[in-house]
Amino acid sequence: MSPTDRESMFGKAESGYLWCLHCERAYKEDEYRTEVNEEGHLMEMCYYEDCDGDAVIDAWEWEKIRDANGYPEKPEEGKVYPQYGN
């Protein structure tokens, strides 16, 4: 299996989770979804269907958000974790 575009650029996330800047939810690093854009390129997108976040540039390592806000080690699926705490 080849690495994701994000993994190729930034390496694997220590925690195995990513946090989306668009929807502020976390997901397992390998559970992104794919879409074909207007130019016919395959895009790696945020795991959540109702989000238009890019899983490469809009995905931050969960441990950075977690450490800055005291969030749990393992995020709850679908829960919003604001960038600057509650």
Protein backbone atom coordinates (compact mmCIF):
# COMPACT_ATOMS: atom_id res chain seq x y z
CA MET A 1 0.00 0.00 0.00
CA SER A 2 1.43 3.36 -0.97
CA PRO A 3 1.48 6.22 1.53
CA THR A 4 -1.24 8.86 1.43
CA ASP A 5 -0.41 12.26 -0.06
CA ARG A 6 -0.34 13.71 3.46
CA GLU A 7 1.95 10.98 4.77
CA SER A 8 4.30 11.52 1.82
CA MET A 9 4.55 15.23 2.67
CA PHE A 10 4.47 15.26 6.49
CA GLY A 11 4.99 11.68 7.69
CA LYS A 12 2.66 9.64 9.87
CA ALA A 13 0.87 11.19 12.83
CA GLU A 14 2.19 9.90 16.16
CA SER A 15 -1.29 9.28 17.54
CA GLY A 16 -2.74 7.82 14.35
CA TYR A 17 -5.42 10.54 14.30
CA LEU A 18 -5.85 13.74 12.33
CA TRP A 19 -7.90 16.83 13.18
CA CYS A 20 -9.69 18.77 10.43
CA LEU A 21 -9.34 22.55 10.36
CA HIS A 22 -12.68 22.88 8.51
CA CYS A 23 -15.03 20.88 10.74
CA GLU A 24 -12.86 20.63 13.89
CA ARG A 25 -13.44 16.89 14.20
CA ALA A 26 -10.83 14.16 14.42
CA TYR A 27 -10.60 10.91 12.52
CA LYS A 28 -8.25 7.98 12.10
CA GLU A 29 -5.40 8.88 9.80
CA ASP A 30 -6.17 6.11 7.32
CA GLU A 31 -9.94 6.76 7.18
CA TYR A 32 -9.97 9.73 4.81
CA ARG A 33 -12.31 9.66 1.80
CA THR A 34 -11.47 10.29 -1.83
CA GLU A 35 -13.18 12.50 -4.41
CA VAL A 36 -12.38 13.38 -8.00
CA ASN A 37 -12.12 17.13 -8.56
CA GLU A 38 -13.19 19.08 -11.66
CA GLU A 39 -9.80 18.49 -13.31
CA GLY A 40 -10.12 14.75 -12.80
CA HIS A 41 -7.54 14.50 -9.99
CA LEU A 42 -8.15 12.19 -7.06
CA MET A 43 -8.33 14.24 -3.86
CA GLU A 44 -7.89 12.96 -0.30
CA MET A 45 -10.63 14.58 1.80
CA CYS A 46 -11.71 14.76 5.45
CA TYR A 47 -13.38 11.57 6.67
CA TYR A 48 -16.70 13.33 7.33
CA GLU A 49 -19.06 13.49 4.34
CA ASP A 50 -20.47 16.89 5.32
CA CYS A 51 -17.01 18.51 5.36
CA ASP A 52 -15.03 19.90 2.43
CA GLY A 53 -11.68 19.84 4.25
CA ASP A 54 -8.65 18.50 2.40
CA ALA A 55 -7.00 15.56 4.21
CA VAL A 56 -3.57 16.87 3.21
CA ILE A 57 -3.41 20.60 3.93
CA ASP A 58 -6.39 20.95 6.30
CA ALA A 59 -5.52 17.93 8.45
CA TRP A 60 -3.42 18.63 11.54
CA GLU A 61 -1.85 16.04 13.78
CA TRP A 62 -4.28 15.29 16.61
CA GLU A 63 -1.55 15.37 19.26
CA LYS A 64 -0.86 19.07 18.54
CA ILE A 65 -4.52 20.04 19.07
CA ARG A 66 -4.84 17.62 21.99
CA ASP A 67 -1.77 18.88 23.83
CA ALA A 68 -2.74 22.54 23.38
CA ASN A 69 -6.26 21.99 24.74
CA GLY A 70 -6.11 19.07 27.16
CA TYR A 71 -8.26 16.88 24.91
CA PRO A 72 -8.30 13.07 25.36
CA GLU A 73 -5.63 10.86 23.84
CA LYS A 74 -8.25 9.11 21.69
CA PRO A 75 -10.84 11.46 20.18
CA GLU A 76 -14.54 10.56 20.01
CA GLU A 77 -15.80 10.01 16.47
CA GLY A 78 -17.88 12.92 15.24
CA LYS A 79 -17.24 15.15 18.28
CA VAL A 80 -16.23 18.76 17.58
CA TYR A 81 -12.96 19.75 19.25
CA PRO A 82 -12.54 23.53 18.90
CA GLN A 83 -9.03 24.65 18.02
CA TYR A 84 -8.89 26.95 21.02
CA GLY A 85 -10.63 24.81 23.62
CA ASN A 86 -14.18 24.96 24.85
